[in-house]
Protein backbone atom coordinates (compact mmCIF):
# COMPACT_ATOMS: atom_id res chain seq x y z
CA MET A 1 7.46 -6.99 -23.51
CA ASN A 2 9.35 -4.48 -21.47
CA ILE A 3 9.56 -4.58 -17.70
CA ASP A 4 9.72 -1.06 -16.27
CA HIS A 5 11.35 -0.54 -12.88
CA LEU A 6 10.59 2.70 -11.03
CA HIS A 7 12.00 4.20 -7.84
CA GLU A 8 14.96 1.86 -7.61
CA GLY A 9 16.53 1.25 -4.23
CA PRO A 10 19.45 -0.79 -2.95
CA ARG A 11 17.36 -3.93 -2.26
CA MET A 12 14.26 -3.51 -4.41
CA ASN A 13 12.20 -1.30 -6.67
CA GLN A 14 9.14 0.46 -5.33
CA VAL A 15 7.23 -0.11 -8.58
CA VAL A 16 7.45 -2.65 -11.40
CA VAL A 17 5.22 -2.41 -14.46
CA TYR A 18 4.76 -5.39 -16.76
CA ASN A 19 2.13 -6.32 -19.32
CA GLY A 20 -0.30 -3.59 -18.24
CA ILE A 21 -0.03 -4.40 -14.53
CA VAL A 22 1.54 -2.18 -11.85
CA TYR A 23 3.12 -3.99 -8.89
CA LEU A 24 4.01 -1.95 -5.81
CA SER A 25 6.32 -3.13 -3.10
CA GLY A 26 5.02 -3.13 0.47
CA GLN A 27 4.70 0.49 1.60
CA THR A 28 5.31 1.64 5.17
CA ALA A 29 4.91 5.04 6.78
CA GLY A 30 8.45 5.73 7.93
CA ASP A 31 8.17 8.57 10.45
CA ALA A 32 4.45 9.31 10.03
CA GLY A 33 3.45 9.01 13.67
CA ASP A 34 2.79 6.48 16.35
CA ASP A 35 -0.80 5.50 15.66
CA VAL A 36 -2.08 3.19 12.95
CA GLN A 37 -4.38 5.81 11.43
CA SER A 38 -1.55 8.30 10.86
CA GLN A 39 0.62 5.55 9.43
CA THR A 40 -2.18 4.28 7.18
CA ARG A 41 -2.79 7.77 5.79
CA ALA A 42 0.92 8.16 5.04
CA VAL A 43 1.09 4.74 3.37
CA LEU A 44 -1.95 5.44 1.19
CA LYS A 45 -0.45 8.78 0.14
CA LYS A 46 2.73 6.95 -0.91
CA ILE A 47 0.63 4.42 -2.82
CA ASP A 48 -1.18 7.23 -4.66
CA GLY A 49 2.17 8.79 -5.65
CA ASN A 50 3.68 5.50 -6.79
CA LEU A 51 0.60 4.60 -8.82
CA GLU A 52 0.63 8.03 -10.45
CA SER A 53 4.30 7.72 -11.36
CA ALA A 54 3.46 4.45 -13.14
CA GLY A 55 0.49 5.94 -14.98
CA SER A 56 -2.25 4.39 -12.84
CA GLU A 57 -4.47 5.37 -9.91
CA ARG A 58 -6.39 3.86 -7.01
CA SER A 59 -9.54 3.39 -9.11
CA ARG A 60 -7.52 0.80 -11.08
CA LEU A 61 -6.58 -1.35 -8.05
CA LEU A 62 -6.88 -5.08 -8.51
CA SER A 63 -5.54 -6.38 -5.20
CA ALA A 64 -4.34 -5.14 -1.80
CA SER A 65 -2.44 -7.01 0.90
CA ILE A 66 -2.34 -5.41 4.34
CA TRP A 67 -0.17 -6.40 7.27
CA LEU A 68 -0.89 -5.08 10.77
CA SER A 69 1.40 -5.48 13.76
CA ASP A 70 -1.65 -5.76 16.08
CA ILE A 71 -4.76 -6.81 14.16
CA GLY A 72 -6.87 -7.06 17.31
CA HIS A 73 -6.29 -3.43 18.22
CA ASP A 74 -5.70 -1.77 14.85
CA PHE A 75 -7.98 -3.50 12.32
CA GLN A 76 -11.00 -1.22 12.78
CA LEU A 77 -8.87 1.93 13.05
CA MET A 78 -7.00 1.11 9.84
CA ASN A 79 -10.28 0.24 8.10
CA GLU A 80 -11.73 3.68 8.90
CA VAL A 81 -8.87 5.33 6.99
CA TRP A 82 -9.03 2.73 4.20
CA GLN A 83 -12.79 3.36 3.77
CA GLU A 84 -12.23 7.13 3.42
CA TRP A 85 -9.52 6.52 0.83
CA ILE A 86 -11.32 3.92 -1.29
CA ALA A 87 -14.91 5.14 -0.73
CA ASP A 88 -15.84 6.26 -4.25
CA ASP A 89 -13.56 3.92 -6.18
CA PRO A 90 -14.10 0.30 -7.19
CA LYS A 91 -12.89 -1.95 -4.38
CA PRO A 92 -10.02 -4.36 -5.01
CA VAL A 93 -9.79 -7.83 -3.57
CA ARG A 94 -8.04 -7.58 -0.22
CA ALA A 95 -6.41 -9.62 2.51
CA THR A 96 -5.45 -8.33 5.96
CA VAL A 97 -3.29 -10.31 8.37
CA GLU A 98 -1.23 -9.80 11.49
CA ALA A 99 2.55 -9.92 11.11
CA ASN A 100 5.81 -8.90 12.70
CA LEU A 101 6.84 -5.90 10.61
CA ALA A 102 10.41 -4.87 9.79
CA ARG A 103 10.71 -2.32 12.61
CA PRO A 104 8.88 -2.28 15.95
CA GLU A 105 7.43 1.21 15.41
CA LEU A 106 5.66 0.14 12.21
CA LYS A 107 1.99 -0.65 12.61
CA VAL A 108 0.89 -1.16 8.98
CA GLU A 109 2.33 -2.19 5.63
CA ILE A 110 0.28 -2.23 2.41
CA GLN A 111 1.13 -3.73 -0.98
CA VAL A 112 -1.08 -3.23 -4.03
CA ILE A 113 -1.38 -4.39 -7.61
CA ALA A 114 -3.19 -2.21 -10.17
CA ALA A 115 -3.99 -2.11 -13.85
CA LEU A 116 -2.51 0.63 -16.03
């Protein structure tokens, strides 16, 4: 079976497709704003684009892992955006934890796995 690598970067690929499964790397917002809701919207938009480039979509999500820099403050705010995004689609399994992210301005990182 082929392993397809999409959106190659110097350290990793953004998307790997193998055996009917789409694996996305952790997505962050970059310069999408200071608050967790703006960053979450930007991350979910990137996820939609990456899934589309692989031939999938959010209704095919299997799993989501979410890291927040301040879960006590940002969990509910992030969840409001997540609920809007996933509202009419089947819900994946999901885990959300607090973590030190790669840069201090980052508030959220999301990684997903989806079926083709």
